[in-house]
Amino acid sequence: MNTKTKQMEKITHLEALMFSAVLENCVDQLAILGYIMPVPQEDKNKMKAMIQEELDINSPELMSAKQESGETVTSTALKTTQHKQQQGKTEGQKSTQHSSKSAKKRTTRAAKKLKKIYADRQYASDVITVTIKNLEELGTFSSLTDANERERAKKNKFCDILIREEKGKKEIKALQKQLQDVKKQTDKDLKNRDEAIDRLKDKLEENTAKWNTESYYMKRSTDLQIHLTQRKCSNAEMALEKEIQNLKSKTDEEIQLHMEAENFLTQQYQKVKEKLEYWMEKYEKDTAAKDEEIDDLKALKADNLETMQRFAKECLLFQTTIIIDRTDKEAKRKQIEQEALEQKSALKVQAWWKGTMVRRFIGPYQELEKYLKEQLAEKEGRKEKSGAKR
């Protein structure tokens, strides 16, 4: 910034006038372009207000400078602009008669471009007028550098916006591709479902046809079965009627036989009744005779019972004597066996004691021990003598 201010201070008044003349020429050319461009007056006023707000150029001095620079151009530019506007109007009327939807779109795009060009022209014109004012009054062009920096910042911002827009477009393309894939998948699923529906419809038609044929055959079979059952029932009815006739004839025969049997049984009943009376009398006589025999047998039984009791007493007496005799004999036998066992054991004890006395030379056998020792001593002496001789 210091170098810039130094350069600005070096500009002389003559150079400032030269620069301002060149810049005024540029302003005049831009004003001519503004009058030539077919932009509505309302849009022009809006653009001017926006540019003035951006540049902060609402001071009366700047407005007077703009008027002075604009008055020099108006006289030469008004005629040309009016003529061109009339030509544009006539051409616009002709084009509107033969326009279509595509032409309307193109005109809207062209109108937007014209508005943009007009706004840029107006902005450049305002910046140049401010620069001319600074050159004439201060001898500097700091407003031009500031405007350049602002435009550069706007351009950077616009580039960032474009980059973000490109990213957004890429994301939109990716999402569109994903949407197309999803759409393809859904179309495929719908196609598969339609195929499944067609298959199911075919199967349903096949099943309905099959069911119709089965129902037809079932109806035929049921009708045939009904006819057969009716025929069987009619045959069974005829057989039952015949059987009823046979049973009626049999019942008549049975009734006749029953009457004959009843007469026969009544006759037999009378005969049996007479026999029963005879047998009852005979039973009474036989029972009386048997009662007498029973009394005789009871008396005989009492006599036999007395004799049996007497014989039983005698048997008991004999049995007791036999038992006593047997016990005495058994006691004697056991006593004899005990005495023999005691004698045998005493002999064994005596033999054992005698053997121990002999082996240990106890009592009267002490002399025997001396005798045996003497005999052994003699034998040993003989052996020694015989050994010495050898």
Protein backbone atom coordinates (compact mmCIF):
# COMPACT_ATOMS: atom_id res chain seq x y z
CA MET A 1 0.00 0.00 0.00
CA ASN A 2 2.91 2.40 0.70
CA THR A 3 4.40 1.83 -2.77
CA LYS A 4 1.02 2.44 -4.33
CA THR A 5 0.56 5.72 -2.48
CA LYS A 6 4.04 6.83 -3.54
CA GLN A 7 3.25 6.05 -7.17
CA MET A 8 -0.04 7.90 -6.84
CA GLU A 9 1.78 10.92 -5.40
CA LYS A 10 4.14 11.01 -8.42
CA ILE A 11 1.22 11.58 -10.88
CA THR A 12 1.21 15.18 -12.00
CA HIS A 13 -1.74 17.34 -12.90
CA LEU A 14 -1.01 17.02 -16.60
CA GLU A 15 -0.88 13.24 -16.41
CA ALA A 16 -4.08 13.27 -14.42
CA LEU A 17 -5.77 15.33 -17.16
CA MET A 18 -4.49 12.93 -19.81
CA PHE A 19 -5.71 9.91 -17.90
CA SER A 20 -9.05 11.57 -17.23
CA ALA A 21 -9.47 12.37 -20.93
CA VAL A 22 -8.84 8.74 -21.86
CA LEU A 23 -11.20 7.56 -19.16
CA GLU A 24 -13.88 10.06 -20.24
CA ASN A 25 -13.62 8.64 -23.74
CA CYS A 26 -14.19 5.17 -22.26
CA VAL A 27 -17.18 6.47 -20.30
CA ASP A 28 -18.66 7.95 -23.47
CA GLN A 29 -18.27 4.68 -25.34
CA LEU A 30 -19.87 2.78 -22.45
CA ALA A 31 -22.76 5.27 -22.37
CA ILE A 32 -23.30 4.76 -26.10
CA LEU A 33 -23.39 0.99 -25.49
CA GLY A 34 -25.91 1.54 -22.68
CA TYR A 35 -28.22 3.46 -24.99
CA ILE A 36 -27.80 0.87 -27.74
CA MET A 37 -28.59 -2.20 -25.55
CA PRO A 38 -32.34 -3.14 -25.50
CA VAL A 39 -32.81 -3.35 -21.72
CA PRO A 40 -36.04 -2.15 -20.01
CA GLN A 41 -35.86 1.09 -18.05
CA GLU A 42 -36.96 -0.57 -14.80
CA ASP A 43 -34.09 -3.06 -15.00
CA LYS A 44 -31.69 -0.20 -15.74
CA ASN A 45 -32.84 1.71 -12.64
CA LYS A 46 -32.54 -1.41 -10.46
CA MET A 47 -29.03 -2.13 -11.74
CA LYS A 48 -27.93 1.46 -11.17
CA ALA A 49 -29.23 1.39 -7.59
CA MET A 50 -27.44 -1.91 -6.88
CA ILE A 51 -24.14 -0.68 -8.33
CA GLN A 52 -24.36 2.59 -6.40
CA GLU A 53 -24.90 0.62 -3.18
CA GLU A 54 -21.85 -1.52 -3.95
CA LEU A 55 -19.58 1.40 -4.84
CA ASP A 56 -21.07 3.85 -2.32
CA ILE A 57 -21.19 6.64 -4.92
CA ASN A 58 -24.27 8.56 -3.86
CA SER A 59 -22.35 11.82 -3.29
CA PRO A 60 -23.65 14.90 -5.20
CA GLU A 61 -20.22 15.65 -6.66
CA LEU A 62 -20.05 12.22 -8.30
CA MET A 63 -23.58 12.57 -9.61
CA SER A 64 -22.69 15.96 -11.12
CA ALA A 65 -19.56 14.47 -12.69
CA LYS A 66 -21.60 11.66 -14.17
CA GLN A 67 -24.12 14.16 -15.53
CA GLU A 68 -21.35 16.28 -17.11
CA SER A 69 -19.75 13.24 -18.71
CA GLY A 70 -23.13 11.91 -19.79
CA GLU A 71 -24.38 15.18 -21.34
CA THR A 72 -21.51 15.19 -23.81
CA VAL A 73 -22.57 11.85 -25.14
CA THR A 74 -26.36 12.17 -25.08
CA SER A 75 -26.51 14.52 -28.05
CA THR A 76 -24.65 12.09 -30.31
CA ALA A 77 -26.00 8.85 -28.90
CA LEU A 78 -29.71 9.65 -28.62
CA LYS A 79 -30.34 9.63 -32.34
CA THR A 80 -28.52 6.37 -32.94
CA THR A 81 -30.13 4.67 -29.95
CA GLN A 82 -33.64 5.77 -30.93
CA HIS A 83 -33.12 4.51 -34.46
CA LYS A 84 -31.75 1.20 -33.21
CA GLN A 85 -34.54 0.83 -30.63
CA GLN A 86 -37.13 1.36 -33.37
CA GLN A 87 -35.40 -1.24 -35.51
CA GLY A 88 -35.24 -3.59 -32.49
CA LYS A 89 -38.95 -3.06 -31.82
CA THR A 90 -39.91 -3.82 -35.43
CA GLU A 91 -37.63 -6.83 -35.49
CA GLY A 92 -38.99 -7.97 -32.09
CA GLN A 93 -42.58 -7.70 -33.37
CA LYS A 94 -41.67 -9.78 -36.41
CA SER A 95 -39.85 -12.37 -34.33
CA THR A 96 -42.69 -12.68 -31.78
CA GLN A 97 -45.10 -13.59 -34.55
CA HIS A 98 -42.94 -16.60 -35.58
CA SER A 99 -41.63 -17.58 -32.14
CA SER A 100 -42.04 -20.98 -30.48
CA LYS A 101 -41.25 -22.48 -27.14
CA SER A 102 -37.57 -22.95 -27.98
CA ALA A 103 -37.35 -19.36 -29.23
CA LYS A 104 -38.85 -18.11 -25.96
CA LYS A 105 -36.20 -19.94 -24.01
CA ARG A 106 -33.47 -18.48 -26.18
CA THR A 107 -34.89 -14.96 -25.77
CA THR A 108 -34.99 -15.33 -21.99
CA ARG A 109 -31.37 -16.49 -22.00
CA ALA A 110 -30.39 -13.61 -24.29
CA ALA A 111 -32.25 -11.14 -22.07
CA LYS A 112 -30.37 -12.44 -19.02
CA LYS A 113 -27.06 -12.10 -20.85
CA LEU A 114 -27.95 -8.54 -21.93
CA LYS A 115 -28.86 -7.64 -18.36
CA LYS A 116 -25.54 -9.02 -17.18
CA ILE A 117 -23.63 -7.09 -19.88
CA TYR A 118 -25.56 -3.93 -19.06
CA ALA A 119 -24.82 -4.34 -15.35
CA ASP A 120 -21.10 -4.83 -16.09
CA ARG A 121 -21.11 -1.80 -18.41
CA GLN A 122 -22.84 0.34 -15.79
CA TYR A 123 -20.41 -0.85 -13.10
CA ALA A 124 -17.37 -0.07 -15.30
CA SER A 125 -18.81 3.34 -16.18
CA ASP A 126 -19.41 4.20 -12.52
CA VAL A 127 -15.93 3.03 -11.51
CA ILE A 128 -14.31 5.08 -14.29
CA THR A 129 -16.30 8.21 -13.34
CA VAL A 130 -15.20 7.83 -9.71
CA THR A 131 -11.60 7.35 -10.87
CA ILE A 132 -11.82 10.50 -13.05
CA LYS A 133 -13.14 12.46 -10.06
CA ASN A 134 -10.26 11.21 -7.89
CA LEU A 135 -7.72 12.06 -10.58
CA GLU A 136 -9.07 15.59 -10.99
CA GLU A 137 -9.39 16.30 -7.28
CA LEU A 138 -6.69 14.18 -5.58
CA GLY A 139 -4.43 13.08 -8.41
CA THR A 140 -4.78 9.38 -7.46
CA PHE A 141 -6.66 6.35 -8.83
CA SER A 142 -7.13 4.38 -5.59
CA SER A 143 -10.81 3.85 -6.35
CA LEU A 144 -9.82 1.93 -9.51
CA THR A 145 -7.48 -0.37 -7.57
CA ASP A 146 -10.13 -0.87 -4.88
CA ALA A 147 -12.70 -1.75 -7.53
CA ASN A 148 -10.18 -4.13 -9.11
CA GLU A 149 -9.62 -5.85 -5.75
CA ARG A 150 -13.36 -6.09 -5.18
CA GLU A 151 -13.83 -7.64 -8.61
CA ARG A 152 -10.98 -10.04 -7.93
CA ALA A 153 -12.62 -11.07 -4.63
CA LYS A 154 -15.93 -11.49 -6.44
CA LYS A 155 -14.19 -13.56 -9.10
CA ASN A 156 -12.61 -15.80 -6.45
CA LYS A 157 -15.96 -16.12 -4.75
CA PHE A 158 -17.56 -16.91 -8.11
CA CYS A 159 -14.84 -19.54 -8.77
CA ASP A 160 -15.58 -21.11 -5.39
CA ILE A 161 -19.26 -21.11 -6.28
CA LEU A 162 -18.44 -22.77 -9.62
CA ILE A 163 -16.30 -25.41 -7.88
CA ARG A 164 -19.09 -26.13 -5.42
CA GLU A 165 -21.51 -26.23 -8.34
CA GLU A 166 -19.28 -28.76 -10.13
CA LYS A 167 -19.13 -30.88 -6.99
CA GLY A 168 -22.90 -30.60 -6.68
CA LYS A 169 -23.27 -31.62 -10.33
CA LYS A 170 -21.02 -34.63 -9.77
CA GLU A 171 -23.00 -35.61 -6.70
CA ILE A 172 -26.22 -35.11 -8.66
CA LYS A 173 -24.84 -37.30 -11.46
CA ALA A 174 -23.85 -39.98 -8.93
CA LEU A 175 -27.29 -39.78 -7.34
CA GLN A 176 -28.90 -39.90 -10.78
CA LYS A 177 -26.81 -42.95 -11.63
CA GLN A 178 -27.79 -44.53 -8.32
CA LEU A 179 -31.39 -43.60 -9.05
CA GLN A 180 -31.10 -45.21 -12.48
CA ASP A 181 -29.63 -48.35 -10.90
CA VAL A 182 -32.45 -48.42 -8.38
CA LYS A 183 -34.92 -47.81 -11.18
CA LYS A 184 -33.39 -50.66 -13.21
CA GLN A 185 -33.53 -52.92 -10.16
CA THR A 186 -37.14 -51.96 -9.51
CA ASP A 187 -37.95 -52.50 -13.20
CA LYS A 188 -36.25 -55.88 -12.99
CA ASP A 189 -38.17 -56.73 -9.82
CA LEU A 190 -41.41 -55.57 -11.43
CA LYS A 191 -40.61 -57.66 -14.50
CA ASN A 192 -39.90 -60.68 -12.30
CA ARG A 193 -43.14 -60.05 -10.43
CA ASP A 194 -45.03 -59.74 -13.71
CA GLU A 195 -43.48 -63.01 -14.87
CA ALA A 196 -44.41 -64.63 -11.56
CA ILE A 197 -47.94 -63.24 -11.90
CA ASP A 198 -48.15 -64.64 -15.43
CA ARG A 199 -46.90 -68.02 -14.21
CA LEU A 200 -49.40 -67.97 -11.37
CA LYS A 201 -52.17 -66.99 -13.78
CA ASP A 202 -51.22 -69.89 -16.07
CA LYS A 203 -51.11 -72.20 -13.09
CA LEU A 204 -54.47 -70.86 -11.91
CA GLU A 205 -55.98 -71.45 -15.34
CA GLU A 206 -54.49 -74.93 -15.39
CA ASN A 207 -55.82 -75.63 -11.89
CA THR A 208 -59.25 -74.26 -12.82
CA ALA A 209 -59.33 -76.45 -15.94
CA LYS A 210 -58.19 -79.42 -13.90
CA TRP A 211 -60.76 -78.64 -11.22
CA ASN A 212 -63.49 -78.33 -13.85
CA THR A 213 -62.57 -81.70 -15.36
CA GLU A 214 -62.32 -83.28 -11.92
CA SER A 215 -65.66 -81.78 -10.90
CA TYR A 216 -67.21 -83.06 -14.16
CA TYR A 217 -65.85 -86.55 -13.58
CA MET A 218 -66.85 -86.40 -9.90
CA LYS A 219 -70.37 -85.38 -10.90
CA ARG A 220 -70.53 -88.21 -13.41
CA SER A 221 -69.19 -90.68 -10.85
CA THR A 222 -71.63 -89.45 -8.18
CA ASP A 223 -74.54 -89.72 -10.63
CA LEU A 224 -73.43 -93.24 -11.52
CA GLN A 225 -73.08 -94.17 -7.86
CA ILE A 226 -76.54 -92.74 -7.14
CA HIS A 227 -77.98 -94.76 -10.03
CA LEU A 228 -76.23 -97.90 -8.79
CA THR A 229 -77.39 -97.32 -5.21
CA GLN A 230 -80.94 -96.74 -6.43
CA ARG A 231 -80.78 -99.98 -8.39
CA LYS A 232 -79.34 -101.77 -5.36
CA CYS A 233 -82.06 -100.28 -3.17
CA SER A 234 -84.78 -101.38 -5.59
CA ASN A 235 -83.30 -104.88 -5.69
CA ALA A 236 -83.04 -104.87 -1.90
CA GLU A 237 -86.68 -103.72 -1.62
CA MET A 238 -87.81 -106.55 -3.88
CA ALA A 239 -85.75 -109.03 -1.87
CA LEU A 240 -87.19 -107.65 1.37
CA GLU A 241 -90.74 -107.91 0.03
CA LYS A 242 -90.09 -111.53 -0.91
CA GLU A 243 -88.61 -112.13 2.52
CA ILE A 244 -91.65 -110.48 4.13
CA GLN A 245 -93.94 -112.82 2.19
CA ASN A 246 -91.85 -115.78 3.25
CA LEU A 247 -91.88 -114.60 6.85
CA LYS A 248 -95.66 -114.18 6.76
CA SER A 249 -96.08 -117.73 5.50
CA LYS A 250 -93.61 -118.91 8.13
CA THR A 251 -95.46 -117.02 10.88
CA ASP A 252 -98.72 -118.66 9.81
CA GLU A 253 -97.05 -122.05 9.96
CA GLU A 254 -95.51 -121.17 13.32
CA ILE A 255 -98.90 -120.11 14.69
CA GLN A 256 -100.43 -123.38 13.57
CA LEU A 257 -97.53 -125.32 15.04
CA HIS A 258 -97.82 -123.29 18.23
CA MET A 259 -101.46 -124.21 18.59
CA GLU A 260 -100.70 -127.87 18.04
CA ALA A 261 -97.77 -127.72 20.47
CA GLU A 262 -99.93 -125.97 23.05
CA ASN A 263 -102.57 -128.70 22.83
CA PHE A 264 -99.89 -131.34 23.09
CA LEU A 265 -98.28 -129.61 26.06
CA THR A 266 -101.60 -129.33 27.91
CA GLN A 267 -102.11 -133.04 27.49
CA GLN A 268 -98.58 -133.72 28.68
CA TYR A 269 -99.11 -131.33 31.60
CA GLN A 270 -102.08 -133.36 32.79
CA LYS A 271 -100.05 -136.54 32.55
CA VAL A 272 -97.10 -134.99 34.39
CA LYS A 273 -99.44 -133.65 37.07
CA GLU A 274 -100.80 -137.11 37.70
CA LYS A 275 -97.26 -138.51 37.85
CA LEU A 276 -96.27 -135.75 40.26
CA GLU A 277 -99.05 -136.65 42.66
CA TYR A 278 -97.97 -140.28 42.50
CA TRP A 279 -94.35 -139.41 43.15
CA MET A 280 -95.26 -137.08 46.01
CA GLU A 281 -97.07 -139.89 47.81
CA LYS A 282 -94.16 -142.20 47.16
CA TYR A 283 -91.74 -139.51 48.43
CA GLU A 284 -93.61 -139.17 51.70
CA LYS A 285 -93.60 -142.92 52.25
CA ASP A 286 -89.90 -143.22 51.39
CA THR A 287 -88.95 -140.29 53.64
CA ALA A 288 -90.77 -141.88 56.59
CA ALA A 289 -88.92 -145.16 56.02
CA LYS A 290 -85.60 -143.37 55.68
CA ASP A 291 -86.24 -141.43 58.91
CA GLU A 292 -86.65 -144.71 60.77
CA GLU A 293 -83.41 -146.01 59.25
CA ILE A 294 -81.62 -142.80 60.26
CA ASP A 295 -82.76 -143.19 63.87
CA ASP A 296 -81.42 -146.74 63.92
CA LEU A 297 -78.12 -145.58 62.44
CA LYS A 298 -77.84 -142.79 65.03
CA ALA A 299 -78.24 -145.31 67.87
CA LEU A 300 -75.64 -147.57 66.26
CA LYS A 301 -73.34 -144.59 65.88
CA ALA A 302 -73.61 -143.78 69.60
CA ASP A 303 -72.67 -147.34 70.52
CA ASN A 304 -69.74 -147.32 68.14
CA LEU A 305 -68.60 -143.98 69.57
CA GLU A 306 -68.42 -145.38 73.10
CA THR A 307 -66.38 -148.37 71.97
CA MET A 308 -64.08 -146.08 70.00
CA GLN A 309 -63.48 -143.87 73.03
CA ARG A 310 -62.59 -146.90 75.11
CA PHE A 311 -60.19 -148.16 72.47
CA ALA A 312 -58.66 -144.66 72.22
CA LYS A 313 -57.94 -144.58 75.95
CA GLU A 314 -56.27 -147.98 75.74
CA CYS A 315 -54.20 -146.81 72.76
CA LEU A 316 -53.05 -143.74 74.65
CA LEU A 317 -51.99 -145.90 77.60
CA PHE A 318 -50.04 -148.24 75.32
CA GLN A 319 -48.43 -145.27 73.57
CA THR A 320 -47.23 -143.74 76.86
CA THR A 321 -45.73 -147.03 78.02
CA ILE A 322 -43.96 -147.48 74.67
CA ILE A 323 -42.55 -143.94 74.84
CA ILE A 324 -41.30 -144.44 78.41
CA ASP A 325 -39.64 -147.73 77.45
CA ARG A 326 -37.97 -146.14 74.45
CA THR A 327 -36.64 -143.22 76.51
CA ASP A 328 -35.20 -145.61 79.11
CA LYS A 329 -33.48 -147.66 76.42
CA GLU A 330 -32.09 -144.51 74.81
CA ALA A 331 -30.73 -143.25 78.14
CA LYS A 332 -29.06 -146.59 78.83
CA ARG A 333 -27.53 -146.66 75.35
CA LYS A 334 -26.17 -143.14 75.77
CA GLN A 335 -24.76 -144.03 79.21
CA ILE A 336 -22.98 -147.09 77.80
CA GLU A 337 -21.55 -145.02 74.93
CA GLN A 338 -20.40 -142.34 77.39
CA GLU A 339 -18.66 -144.90 79.59
CA ALA A 340 -16.93 -146.46 76.56
CA LEU A 341 -15.81 -143.03 75.38
CA GLU A 342 -14.49 -142.12 78.82
CA GLN A 343 -12.57 -145.39 79.05
CA LYS A 344 -11.08 -144.90 75.59
CA SER A 345 -10.03 -141.33 76.39
CA ALA A 346 -8.55 -142.44 79.72
CA LEU A 347 -6.48 -145.10 77.92
CA LYS A 348 -5.27 -142.48 75.46
CA VAL A 349 -4.28 -140.13 78.29
CA GLN A 350 -2.47 -142.92 80.09
CA ALA A 351 -0.58 -143.90 76.92
CA TRP A 352 0.37 -140.26 76.27
CA TRP A 353 1.58 -139.77 79.83
CA LYS A 354 3.53 -143.03 79.79
CA GLY A 355 5.17 -141.99 76.50
CA THR A 356 6.13 -138.59 77.89
CA MET A 357 7.58 -140.20 81.03
CA VAL A 358 9.62 -142.58 78.88
CA ARG A 359 10.82 -139.84 76.52
CA ARG A 360 11.68 -137.44 79.33
CA PHE A 361 12.85 -140.11 81.82
CA ILE A 362 10.49 -139.07 84.60
CA GLY A 363 9.74 -141.11 87.71
CA PRO A 364 10.78 -144.76 87.57
CA TYR A 365 12.40 -144.28 84.15
CA GLN A 366 15.32 -142.22 85.49
CA GLU A 367 17.45 -145.37 85.84
CA LEU A 368 16.66 -146.15 82.22
CA GLU A 369 18.24 -142.82 81.28
CA LYS A 370 21.41 -143.75 83.17
CA TYR A 371 21.49 -147.15 81.53
CA LEU A 372 21.15 -145.69 78.06
CA LYS A 373 23.92 -143.17 78.71
CA GLU A 374 26.23 -145.96 79.83
CA GLN A 375 25.43 -147.94 76.70
CA LEU A 376 26.22 -144.93 74.51
CA ALA A 377 29.49 -144.33 76.30
CA GLU A 378 30.53 -147.94 75.77
CA LYS A 379 29.73 -147.74 72.05
CA GLU A 380 31.76 -144.56 71.65
CA GLY A 381 34.72 -146.13 73.47
CA ARG A 382 34.62 -149.14 71.19
CA LYS A 383 34.57 -146.95 68.12
CA GLU A 384 37.60 -144.99 69.34
CA LYS A 385 39.55 -148.16 70.03
CA SER A 386 38.78 -149.58 66.64
CA GLY A 387 39.85 -146.31 65.00
CA ALA A 388 43.15 -146.28 66.90
CA LYS A 389 43.91 -149.82 65.81
CA ARG A 390 43.37 -148.95 62.20
